[in-house]
């Protein structure tokens, strides 16, 4: 989503909205936003991480 649908950093909610609108992944479970948020946070730590979380209060993510 970050690579193909936006040239700017996105919040987890914005990313999830694109995923749902484009039918990129089947949603199941009670809180897909919490799951996506946890995945983004865990994959934005360390030197080998795939994502970069912009500093600040709002969770904005982009690809490294």
PDB file of N, CA and C in Angstrom:
ATOM      1  N   UNK A   1       0.836  -1.192   0.000  1.00  0.00           N
ATOM      2  CA  UNK A   1       0.000   0.000   0.000  1.00  0.00           C
ATOM      3  C   UNK A   1       0.875   1.247   0.000  1.00  0.00           C
ATOM      4  N   UNK A   2       1.880   1.275   0.872  1.00  0.00           N
ATOM      5  CA  UNK A   2       2.752   2.451   0.938  1.00  0.00           C
ATOM      6  C   UNK A   2       3.534   2.648  -0.350  1.00  0.00           C
ATOM      7  N   UNK A   3       3.851   1.567  -1.026  1.00  0.00           N
ATOM      8  CA  UNK A   3       4.629   1.654  -2.261  1.00  0.00           C
ATOM      9  C   UNK A   3       3.769   2.043  -3.461  1.00  0.00           C
ATOM     10  N   UNK A   4       2.560   1.506  -3.536  1.00  0.00           N
ATOM     11  CA  UNK A   4       1.743   1.657  -4.742  1.00  0.00           C
ATOM     12  C   UNK A   4       0.611   2.675  -4.656  1.00  0.00           C
ATOM     13  N   UNK A   5       0.197   3.061  -3.458  1.00  0.00           N
ATOM     14  CA  UNK A   5      -1.007   3.879  -3.335  1.00  0.00           C
ATOM     15  C   UNK A   5      -0.781   5.241  -2.698  1.00  0.00           C
ATOM     16  N   UNK A   6       0.449   5.557  -2.328  1.00  0.00           N
ATOM     17  CA  UNK A   6       0.679   6.848  -1.676  1.00  0.00           C
ATOM     18  C   UNK A   6       2.121   7.289  -1.864  1.00  0.00           C
ATOM     19  N   UNK A   7       2.311   8.584  -2.059  1.00  0.00           N
ATOM     20  CA  UNK A   7       3.680   9.108  -2.103  1.00  0.00           C
ATOM     21  C   UNK A   7       4.000   9.819  -0.793  1.00  0.00           C
ATOM     22  N   UNK A   8       3.122   9.707   0.191  1.00  0.00           N
ATOM     23  CA  UNK A   8       3.327  10.350   1.488  1.00  0.00           C
ATOM     24  C   UNK A   8       3.158   9.312   2.595  1.00  0.00           C
ATOM     25  N   UNK A   9       3.721   9.563   3.762  1.00  0.00           N
ATOM     26  CA  UNK A   9       3.514   8.655   4.890  1.00  0.00           C
ATOM     27  C   UNK A   9       2.024   8.518   5.203  1.00  0.00           C
ATOM     28  N   UNK A  10       1.650   7.373   5.750  1.00  0.00           N
ATOM     29  CA  UNK A  10       0.246   7.099   6.051  1.00  0.00           C
ATOM     30  C   UNK A  10       0.104   6.580   7.473  1.00  0.00           C
ATOM     31  N   UNK A  11      -1.069   6.806   8.064  1.00  0.00           N
ATOM     32  CA  UNK A  11      -1.389   6.237   9.367  1.00  0.00           C
ATOM     33  C   UNK A  11      -1.870   4.802   9.159  1.00  0.00           C
ATOM     34  N   UNK A  12      -1.838   3.983  10.206  1.00  0.00           N
ATOM     35  CA  UNK A  12      -2.375   2.627  10.072  1.00  0.00           C
ATOM     36  C   UNK A  12      -3.834   2.626   9.597  1.00  0.00           C
ATOM     37  N   UNK A  13      -4.628   3.582  10.065  1.00  0.00           N
ATOM     38  CA  UNK A  13      -6.032   3.658   9.653  1.00  0.00           C
ATOM     39  C   UNK A  13      -6.151   3.927   8.154  1.00  0.00           C
ATOM     40  N   UNK A  14      -5.330   4.824   7.628  1.00  0.00           N
ATOM     41  CA  UNK A  14      -5.346   5.119   6.190  1.00  0.00           C
ATOM     42  C   UNK A  14      -4.916   3.893   5.386  1.00  0.00           C
ATOM     43  N   UNK A  15      -3.900   3.193   5.865  1.00  0.00           N
ATOM     44  CA  UNK A  15      -3.426   1.987   5.182  1.00  0.00           C
ATOM     45  C   UNK A  15      -4.535   0.943   5.153  1.00  0.00           C
ATOM     46  N   UNK A  16      -5.205   0.749   6.285  1.00  0.00           N
ATOM     47  CA  UNK A  16      -6.286  -0.232   6.359  1.00  0.00           C
ATOM     48  C   UNK A  16      -7.444   0.146   5.438  1.00  0.00           C
ATOM     49  N   UNK A  17      -7.755   1.426   5.329  1.00  0.00           N
ATOM     50  CA  UNK A  17      -8.829   1.869   4.435  1.00  0.00           C
ATOM     51  C   UNK A  17      -8.515   1.517   2.983  1.00  0.00           C
ATOM     52  N   UNK A  18      -7.268   1.681   2.565  1.00  0.00           N
ATOM     53  CA  UNK A  18      -6.872   1.325   1.197  1.00  0.00           C
ATOM     54  C   UNK A  18      -6.954  -0.186   1.010  1.00  0.00           C
ATOM     55  N   UNK A  19      -6.489  -0.942   1.988  1.00  0.00           N
ATOM     56  CA  UNK A  19      -6.538  -2.407   1.909  1.00  0.00           C
ATOM     57  C   UNK A  19      -7.975  -2.875   1.724  1.00  0.00           C
ATOM     58  N   UNK A  20      -8.888  -2.319   2.517  1.00  0.00           N
ATOM     59  CA  UNK A  20     -10.299  -2.709   2.421  1.00  0.00           C
ATOM     60  C   UNK A  20     -10.921  -2.246   1.104  1.00  0.00           C
ATOM     61  N   UNK A  21     -10.670  -1.006   0.701  1.00  0.00           N
ATOM     62  CA  UNK A  21     -11.271  -0.451  -0.519  1.00  0.00           C
ATOM     63  C   UNK A  21     -10.802  -1.186  -1.769  1.00  0.00           C
ATOM     64  N   UNK A  22      -9.543  -1.577  -1.798  1.00  0.00           N
ATOM     65  CA  UNK A  22      -8.977  -2.256  -2.965  1.00  0.00           C
ATOM     66  C   UNK A  22      -9.120  -3.777  -2.892  1.00  0.00           C
ATOM     67  N   UNK A  23      -9.610  -4.294  -1.764  1.00  0.00           N
ATOM     68  CA  UNK A  23      -9.756  -5.739  -1.604  1.00  0.00           C
ATOM     69  C   UNK A  23      -8.419  -6.466  -1.641  1.00  0.00           C
ATOM     70  N   UNK A  24      -7.389  -5.856  -1.055  1.00  0.00           N
ATOM     71  CA  UNK A  24      -6.043  -6.428  -1.113  1.00  0.00           C
ATOM     72  C   UNK A  24      -5.861  -7.614  -0.174  1.00  0.00           C
ATOM     73  N   UNK A  25      -6.656  -7.683   0.879  1.00  0.00           N
ATOM     74  CA  UNK A  25      -6.548  -8.778   1.835  1.00  0.00           C
ATOM     75  C   UNK A  25      -7.903  -9.017   2.457  1.00  0.00           C
ATOM     76  N   UNK A  26      -8.226 -10.277   2.672  1.00  0.00           N
ATOM     77  CA  UNK A  26      -9.474 -10.615   3.337  1.00  0.00           C
ATOM     78  C   UNK A  26      -9.337 -10.298   4.819  1.00  0.00           C
ATOM     79  N   UNK A  27     -10.312  -9.588   5.365  1.00  0.00           N
ATOM     80  CA  UNK A  27     -10.271  -9.198   6.773  1.00  0.00           C
ATOM     81  C   UNK A  27     -11.019 -10.217   7.615  1.00  0.00           C
ATOM     82  N   UNK A  28     -10.406 -10.580   8.728  1.00  0.00           N
ATOM     83  CA  UNK A  28     -11.065 -11.450   9.692  1.00  0.00           C
ATOM     84  C   UNK A  28     -10.618 -11.018  11.076  1.00  0.00           C
ATOM     85  N   UNK A  29     -11.271 -11.520  12.077  1.00  0.00           N
ATOM     86  CA  UNK A  29     -10.917 -11.135  13.440  1.00  0.00           C
ATOM     87  C   UNK A  29     -11.707  -9.920  13.878  1.00  0.00           C
ATOM     88  N   UNK A  30     -11.518  -9.563  15.128  1.00  0.00           N
ATOM     89  CA  UNK A  30     -12.326  -8.482  15.688  1.00  0.00           C
ATOM     90  C   UNK A  30     -11.697  -7.109  15.540  1.00  0.00           C
ATOM     91  N   UNK A  31     -10.374  -7.039  15.415  1.00  0.00           N
ATOM     92  CA  UNK A  31      -9.784  -5.707  15.286  1.00  0.00           C
ATOM     93  C   UNK A  31      -8.578  -5.725  14.354  1.00  0.00           C
ATOM     94  N   UNK A  32      -8.843  -5.678  13.046  1.00  0.00           N
ATOM     95  CA  UNK A  32      -7.742  -5.671  12.082  1.00  0.00           C
ATOM     96  C   UNK A  32      -6.851  -4.435  12.205  1.00  0.00           C
ATOM     97  N   UNK A  33      -7.403  -3.312  12.665  1.00  0.00           N
ATOM     98  CA  UNK A  33      -6.591  -2.107  12.823  1.00  0.00           C
ATOM     99  C   UNK A  33      -5.537  -2.299  13.913  1.00  0.00           C
ATOM    100  N   UNK A  34      -5.911  -2.914  15.018  1.00  0.00           N
ATOM    101  CA  UNK A  34      -4.949  -3.164  16.096  1.00  0.00           C
ATOM    102  C   UNK A  34      -3.858  -4.120  15.633  1.00  0.00           C
ATOM    103  N   UNK A  35      -4.229  -5.117  14.862  1.00  0.00           N
ATOM    104  CA  UNK A  35      -3.261  -6.082  14.328  1.00  0.00           C
ATOM    105  C   UNK A  35      -2.295  -5.389  13.369  1.00  0.00           C
ATOM    106  N   UNK A  36      -2.807  -4.584  12.466  1.00  0.00           N
ATOM    107  CA  UNK A  36      -1.962  -3.850  11.518  1.00  0.00           C
ATOM    108  C   UNK A  36      -1.038  -2.882  12.253  1.00  0.00           C
ATOM    109  N   UNK A  37      -1.581  -2.184  13.240  1.00  0.00           N
ATOM    110  CA  UNK A  37      -0.791  -1.233  14.016  1.00  0.00           C
ATOM    111  C   UNK A  37       0.366  -1.938  14.727  1.00  0.00           C
ATOM    112  N   UNK A  38       0.098  -3.087  15.339  1.00  0.00           N
ATOM    113  CA  UNK A  38       1.145  -3.847  16.028  1.00  0.00           C
ATOM    114  C   UNK A  38       2.209  -4.320  15.042  1.00  0.00           C
ATOM    115  N   UNK A  39       1.788  -4.783  13.866  1.00  0.00           N
ATOM    116  CA  UNK A  39       2.735  -5.252  12.855  1.00  0.00           C
ATOM    117  C   UNK A  39       3.625  -4.105  12.369  1.00  0.00           C
ATOM    118  N   UNK A  40       3.035  -2.941  12.126  1.00  0.00           N
ATOM    119  CA  UNK A  40       3.814  -1.791  11.667  1.00  0.00           C
ATOM    120  C   UNK A  40       4.830  -1.354  12.720  1.00  0.00           C
ATOM    121  N   UNK A  41       4.384  -1.298  13.980  1.00  0.00           N
ATOM    122  CA  UNK A  41       5.295  -0.887  15.051  1.00  0.00           C
ATOM    123  C   UNK A  41       6.441  -1.879  15.217  1.00  0.00           C
ATOM    124  N   UNK A  42       6.134  -3.170  15.207  1.00  0.00           N
ATOM    125  CA  UNK A  42       7.197  -4.163  15.409  1.00  0.00           C
ATOM    126  C   UNK A  42       8.148  -4.228  14.222  1.00  0.00           C
ATOM    127  N   UNK A  43       7.655  -3.929  13.026  1.00  0.00           N
ATOM    128  CA  UNK A  43       8.509  -3.962  11.835  1.00  0.00           C
ATOM    129  C   UNK A  43       9.118  -2.603  11.497  1.00  0.00           C
ATOM    130  N   UNK A  44       9.072  -1.679  12.442  1.00  0.00           N
ATOM    131  CA  UNK A  44       9.717  -0.381  12.227  1.00  0.00           C
ATOM    132  C   UNK A  44      10.853  -0.167  13.228  1.00  0.00           C
ATOM    133  N   UNK A  45      11.263  -1.245  13.891  1.00  0.00           N
ATOM    134  CA  UNK A  45      12.346  -1.150  14.875  1.00  0.00           C
ATOM    135  C   UNK A  45      13.575  -1.868  14.368  1.00  0.00           C
ATOM    136  N   UNK A  46      14.706  -1.288  14.577  1.00  0.00           N
ATOM    137  CA  UNK A  46      15.960  -1.925  14.208  1.00  0.00           C
ATOM    138  C   UNK A  46      16.450  -1.515  12.829  1.00  0.00           C
ATOM    139  N   UNK A  47      17.694  -1.821  12.570  1.00  0.00           N
ATOM    140  CA  UNK A  47      18.334  -1.433  11.321  1.00  0.00           C
ATOM    141  C   UNK A  47      17.826  -2.159  10.096  1.00  0.00           C
ATOM    142  N   UNK A  48      17.320  -3.366  10.263  1.00  0.00           N
ATOM    143  CA  UNK A  48      16.840  -4.169   9.137  1.00  0.00           C
ATOM    144  C   UNK A  48      15.335  -4.024   8.909  1.00  0.00           C
ATOM    145  N   UNK A  49      14.707  -3.075   9.593  1.00  0.00           N
ATOM    146  CA  UNK A  49      13.252  -2.953   9.514  1.00  0.00           C
ATOM    147  C   UNK A  49      12.791  -2.506   8.126  1.00  0.00           C
ATOM    148  N   UNK A  50      11.576  -2.890   7.791  1.00  0.00           N
ATOM    149  CA  UNK A  50      10.987  -2.581   6.489  1.00  0.00           C
ATOM    150  C   UNK A  50      10.341  -1.192   6.478  1.00  0.00           C
ATOM    151  N   UNK A  51       9.779  -0.795   7.627  1.00  0.00           N
ATOM    152  CA  UNK A  51       9.043   0.463   7.729  1.00  0.00           C
ATOM    153  C   UNK A  51       9.795   1.468   8.583  1.00  0.00           C
ATOM    154  N   UNK A  52       9.457   2.739   8.407  1.00  0.00           N
ATOM    155  CA  UNK A  52      10.010   3.813   9.222  1.00  0.00           C
ATOM    156  C   UNK A  52       8.848   4.585   9.820  1.00  0.00           C
ATOM    157  N   UNK A  53       8.844   4.731  11.153  1.00  0.00           N
ATOM    158  CA  UNK A  53       7.823   5.526  11.829  1.00  0.00           C
ATOM    159  C   UNK A  53       8.366   6.935  12.011  1.00  0.00           C
ATOM    160  N   UNK A  54       7.641   7.900  11.484  1.00  0.00           N
ATOM    161  CA  UNK A  54       8.056   9.290  11.628  1.00  0.00           C
ATOM    162  C   UNK A  54       7.930   9.724  13.083  1.00  0.00           C
ATOM    163  N   UNK A  55       8.883  10.515  13.577  1.00  0.00           N
ATOM    164  CA  UNK A  55       8.812  10.974  14.961  1.00  0.00           C
ATOM    165  C   UNK A  55       7.584  11.853  15.180  1.00  0.00           C
ATOM    166  N   UNK A  56       7.049  11.794  16.379  1.00  0.00           N
ATOM    167  CA  UNK A  56       5.889  12.613  16.719  1.00  0.00           C
ATOM    168  C   UNK A  56       4.802  11.780  17.351  1.00  0.00           C
ATOM    169  N   UNK A  57       3.735  12.443  17.679  1.00  0.00           N
ATOM    170  CA  UNK A  57       2.627  11.783  18.365  1.00  0.00           C
ATOM    171  C   UNK A  57       1.801  10.894  17.451  1.00  0.00           C
ATOM    172  N   UNK A  58       1.542  11.344  16.257  1.00  0.00           N
ATOM    173  CA  UNK A  58       0.711  10.586  15.320  1.00  0.00           C
ATOM    174  C   UNK A  58       1.560   9.490  14.692  1.00  0.00           C
ATOM    175  N   UNK A  59       1.004   8.303  14.603  1.00  0.00           N
ATOM    176  CA  UNK A  59       1.719   7.189  13.975  1.00  0.00           C
ATOM    177  C   UNK A  59       1.653   7.328  12.463  1.00  0.00           C
ATOM    178  N   UNK A  60       2.715   7.822  11.874  1.00  0.00           N
ATOM    179  CA  UNK A  60       2.837   7.919  10.423  1.00  0.00           C
ATOM    180  C   UNK A  60       3.965   7.006   9.990  1.00  0.00           C
ATOM    181  N   UNK A  61       3.684   6.158   9.006  1.00  0.00           N
ATOM    182  CA  UNK A  61       4.664   5.188   8.547  1.00  0.00           C
ATOM    183  C   UNK A  61       4.959   5.381   7.072  1.00  0.00           C
ATOM    184  N   UNK A  62       6.180   5.036   6.708  1.00  0.00           N
ATOM    185  CA  UNK A  62       6.602   5.026   5.320  1.00  0.00           C
ATOM    186  C   UNK A  62       7.564   3.860   5.144  1.00  0.00           C
ATOM    187  N   UNK A  63       7.873   3.522   3.906  1.00  0.00           N
ATOM    188  CA  UNK A  63       8.867   2.479   3.652  1.00  0.00           C
ATOM    189  C   UNK A  63      10.257   3.061   3.829  1.00  0.00           C
ATOM    190  N   UNK A  64      11.175   2.229   4.256  1.00  0.00           N
ATOM    191  CA  UNK A  64      12.575   2.673   4.374  1.00  0.00           C
ATOM    192  C   UNK A  64      13.207   2.735   3.019  1.00  0.00           C
TER     193      UNK A  64
END
